């Protein structure tokens, strides 16, 4: 005879199976975002013996900063930019590429309340991203002989009903646009102010 405990055990098992199937159905598809690279761009060949990459900017890892939550944080993207685009082909002197700032700050926006808010989807967050970097040329004694710097700023907002995948895609797009902007500015200033070291 099936006792009460066995009945409860079977009911619990059925409930778990239904719950598992439901969770499998509603779980969002795992999102795969591409890696940001710059190997398709022409390299900037510098007449120096080596290139150092200096991360002056340290991620804060707490609110309101959110860049550490990105699939590709701006600092990582800019580090990749330097490794892909800068080349040392000289025998003396050295270059130093410094990432001074690579932050993204989140600001919560006021969402209208009331009966009308039921029928609208408002922007709930704004993200302000900043990149700052400089490239310096030093002689072997450590005396700076020239430098070029650049900065880029981008902002975006997200709707209150954005999914996790939509948020991650928007963050990726923000980083991509930000690095594209600073790429243009850096290349222009390097060619202008460090032309004597460009080969």
Protein backbone atom coordinates (compact mmCIF):
# COMPACT_ATOMS: atom_id res chain seq x y z
CA UNK A 1 0.00 0.00 0.00
CA UNK A 2 1.29 3.43 -0.88
CA UNK A 3 1.51 5.51 2.28
CA UNK A 4 1.13 9.26 2.60
CA UNK A 5 4.90 9.81 2.58
CA UNK A 6 5.28 8.05 -0.78
CA UNK A 7 2.45 10.11 -2.26
CA UNK A 8 4.05 13.34 -1.07
CA UNK A 9 7.42 12.22 -2.41
CA UNK A 10 5.94 11.52 -5.84
CA UNK A 11 4.10 14.84 -5.87
CA UNK A 12 7.32 16.65 -4.95
CA UNK A 13 9.17 14.87 -7.75
CA UNK A 14 6.48 15.81 -10.27
CA UNK A 15 6.55 19.42 -9.06
CA UNK A 16 10.34 19.52 -9.41
CA UNK A 17 10.18 18.10 -12.95
CA UNK A 18 7.54 20.64 -13.99
CA UNK A 19 9.55 23.46 -12.42
CA UNK A 20 12.72 22.32 -14.19
CA UNK A 21 10.96 22.16 -17.54
CA UNK A 22 9.46 25.61 -16.99
CA UNK A 23 12.85 27.07 -16.08
CA UNK A 24 14.41 25.52 -19.18
CA UNK A 25 11.76 27.11 -21.32
CA UNK A 26 12.03 30.65 -19.94
CA UNK A 27 15.80 30.86 -19.47
CA UNK A 28 17.30 33.35 -21.91
CA UNK A 29 19.56 31.98 -24.61
CA UNK A 30 23.24 32.25 -23.72
CA UNK A 31 24.51 35.35 -25.48
CA UNK A 32 27.80 35.22 -27.35
CA UNK A 33 29.41 38.61 -27.96
CA UNK A 34 32.39 39.07 -30.30
CA UNK A 35 35.84 40.10 -29.14
CA UNK A 36 36.92 43.62 -30.00
CA UNK A 37 40.13 43.58 -32.04
CA UNK A 38 41.90 46.11 -34.25
CA UNK A 39 44.09 43.88 -36.39
CA UNK A 40 42.20 45.00 -39.49
CA UNK A 41 43.60 48.52 -39.03
CA UNK A 42 47.01 49.65 -40.25
CA UNK A 43 49.73 49.46 -37.61
CA UNK A 44 51.47 52.59 -36.36
CA UNK A 45 55.18 51.73 -36.61
CA UNK A 46 57.28 53.61 -34.06
CA UNK A 47 61.02 54.13 -34.28
CA UNK A 48 61.60 52.91 -30.72
CA UNK A 49 63.12 49.77 -29.23
CA UNK A 50 60.09 48.86 -27.09
CA UNK A 51 56.57 49.91 -26.12
CA UNK A 52 55.27 49.81 -22.56
CA UNK A 53 51.55 49.71 -21.74
CA UNK A 54 50.70 51.36 -18.44
CA UNK A 55 47.28 50.93 -16.77
CA UNK A 56 47.05 54.06 -14.64
CA UNK A 57 43.27 53.61 -14.38
CA UNK A 58 42.12 51.08 -11.80
CA UNK A 59 38.56 49.80 -11.88
CA UNK A 60 36.55 50.93 -8.85
CA UNK A 61 34.47 47.72 -8.73
CA UNK A 62 31.53 49.39 -6.97
CA UNK A 63 28.57 51.63 -7.78
CA UNK A 64 28.10 53.95 -9.53
CA UNK A 65 30.94 52.50 -11.69
CA UNK A 66 29.89 49.54 -13.83
CA UNK A 67 32.71 49.13 -16.39
CA UNK A 68 33.95 46.01 -14.57
CA UNK A 69 30.62 44.32 -15.38
CA UNK A 70 31.09 44.68 -19.15
CA UNK A 71 31.85 41.67 -21.34
CA UNK A 72 34.73 43.79 -22.69
CA UNK A 73 35.51 46.68 -20.31
CA UNK A 74 36.75 49.86 -22.06
CA UNK A 75 40.18 49.48 -20.41
CA UNK A 76 40.56 45.98 -21.87
CA UNK A 77 39.47 47.18 -25.31
CA UNK A 78 41.97 50.05 -25.23
CA UNK A 79 44.76 47.73 -24.10
CA UNK A 80 43.95 45.53 -27.10
CA UNK A 81 44.00 48.62 -29.34
CA UNK A 82 47.56 49.43 -28.22
CA UNK A 83 48.74 45.84 -28.73
CA UNK A 84 47.14 45.59 -32.17
CA UNK A 85 48.02 49.01 -33.56
CA UNK A 86 51.38 50.05 -32.05
CA UNK A 87 54.61 48.43 -33.24
CA UNK A 88 58.21 49.08 -32.18
CA UNK A 89 60.70 48.69 -35.04
CA UNK A 90 63.63 50.79 -33.76
CA UNK A 91 66.82 50.05 -31.86
CA UNK A 92 66.80 52.79 -29.21
CA UNK A 93 64.43 54.91 -27.10
CA UNK A 94 61.05 53.63 -25.93
CA UNK A 95 57.35 54.50 -25.99
CA UNK A 96 54.84 54.36 -23.16
CA UNK A 97 51.10 54.05 -23.77
CA UNK A 98 49.09 55.00 -20.69
CA UNK A 99 45.39 54.38 -20.09
CA UNK A 100 44.49 57.27 -17.80
CA UNK A 101 40.75 56.73 -17.60
CA UNK A 102 38.34 54.04 -18.79
CA UNK A 103 35.22 54.46 -16.69
CA UNK A 104 31.50 53.90 -17.14
CA UNK A 105 29.18 55.49 -14.57
CA UNK A 106 25.56 54.44 -14.12
CA UNK A 107 22.92 57.01 -13.16
CA UNK A 108 19.42 55.94 -12.16
CA UNK A 109 16.78 58.02 -13.93
CA UNK A 110 13.46 59.10 -12.48
CA UNK A 111 10.64 57.01 -13.88
CA UNK A 112 7.20 58.67 -13.96
CA UNK A 113 4.67 57.04 -11.66
CA UNK A 114 0.91 56.90 -11.92
CA UNK A 115 -1.69 55.28 -14.10
CA UNK A 116 -0.07 56.40 -17.36
CA UNK A 117 3.21 54.64 -16.49
CA UNK A 118 1.41 51.33 -17.02
CA UNK A 119 1.15 52.08 -20.73
CA UNK A 120 4.68 53.44 -21.30
CA UNK A 121 8.23 52.12 -21.07
CA UNK A 122 10.63 54.80 -19.89
CA UNK A 123 14.41 55.08 -19.86
CA UNK A 124 15.52 53.95 -16.41
CA UNK A 125 19.34 54.23 -16.51
CA UNK A 126 21.98 56.36 -18.18
CA UNK A 127 25.55 55.22 -18.72
CA UNK A 128 28.33 57.79 -19.20
CA UNK A 129 31.58 56.36 -20.57
CA UNK A 130 34.96 58.09 -20.71
CA UNK A 131 38.29 57.03 -22.22
CA UNK A 132 41.54 58.96 -21.84
CA UNK A 133 44.96 57.82 -23.05
CA UNK A 134 48.36 59.16 -24.07
CA UNK A 135 51.39 57.93 -25.96
CA UNK A 136 54.82 59.24 -24.88
CA UNK A 137 58.26 58.85 -26.41
CA UNK A 138 61.32 58.74 -24.11
CA UNK A 139 65.03 58.54 -24.80
CA UNK A 140 67.04 55.82 -23.10
CA UNK A 141 67.86 58.09 -20.16
CA UNK A 142 64.13 58.56 -19.41
CA UNK A 143 63.75 62.09 -20.80
CA UNK A 144 60.43 62.62 -22.50
CA UNK A 145 60.83 63.79 -26.07
CA UNK A 146 57.22 63.97 -27.23
CA UNK A 147 53.66 62.91 -26.49
CA UNK A 148 50.17 62.70 -27.96
CA UNK A 149 46.93 62.25 -26.03
CA UNK A 150 43.23 61.79 -26.73
CA UNK A 151 39.92 61.34 -24.98
CA UNK A 152 36.45 60.16 -25.95
CA UNK A 153 33.05 60.44 -24.26
CA UNK A 154 29.88 58.50 -25.02
CA UNK A 155 26.51 58.15 -23.27
CA UNK A 156 23.51 55.87 -23.64
CA UNK A 157 20.27 55.04 -21.84
CA UNK A 158 18.40 51.79 -21.28
CA UNK A 159 14.68 51.18 -21.09
CA UNK A 160 13.21 49.87 -17.85
CA UNK A 161 12.11 46.66 -19.61
CA UNK A 162 15.53 45.80 -21.07
CA UNK A 163 16.55 42.17 -20.76
CA UNK A 164 19.97 41.01 -19.57
CA UNK A 165 20.97 40.20 -23.15
CA UNK A 166 19.80 43.61 -24.37
CA UNK A 167 21.80 45.29 -21.60
CA UNK A 168 24.96 43.34 -22.44
CA UNK A 169 24.58 44.10 -26.15
CA UNK A 170 24.06 47.80 -25.42
CA UNK A 171 27.17 47.86 -23.21
CA UNK A 172 29.18 46.14 -25.94
CA UNK A 173 27.97 48.69 -28.50
CA UNK A 174 28.91 51.52 -26.13
CA UNK A 175 32.46 50.19 -25.74
CA UNK A 176 32.82 49.63 -29.48
CA UNK A 177 31.71 53.19 -30.30
CA UNK A 178 33.88 54.66 -27.54
CA UNK A 179 37.05 52.92 -28.72
CA UNK A 180 36.27 53.78 -32.34
CA UNK A 181 36.12 57.46 -31.34
CA UNK A 182 39.39 57.42 -29.41
CA UNK A 183 41.06 55.42 -32.20
CA UNK A 184 40.35 58.27 -34.62
CA UNK A 185 41.55 60.90 -32.14
CA UNK A 186 44.69 59.01 -31.14
CA UNK A 187 45.75 58.28 -34.70
CA UNK A 188 45.24 61.91 -35.70
CA UNK A 189 47.27 63.25 -32.76
CA UNK A 190 50.02 60.64 -33.04
CA UNK A 191 50.55 61.50 -36.70
CA UNK A 192 50.49 65.20 -35.83
CA UNK A 193 52.65 65.37 -32.71
CA UNK A 194 54.83 62.26 -32.98
CA UNK A 195 55.43 62.22 -36.73
CA UNK A 196 59.22 62.21 -36.34
CA UNK A 197 59.00 58.76 -34.71
CA UNK A 198 56.55 57.27 -37.22
CA UNK A 199 58.18 54.97 -39.77
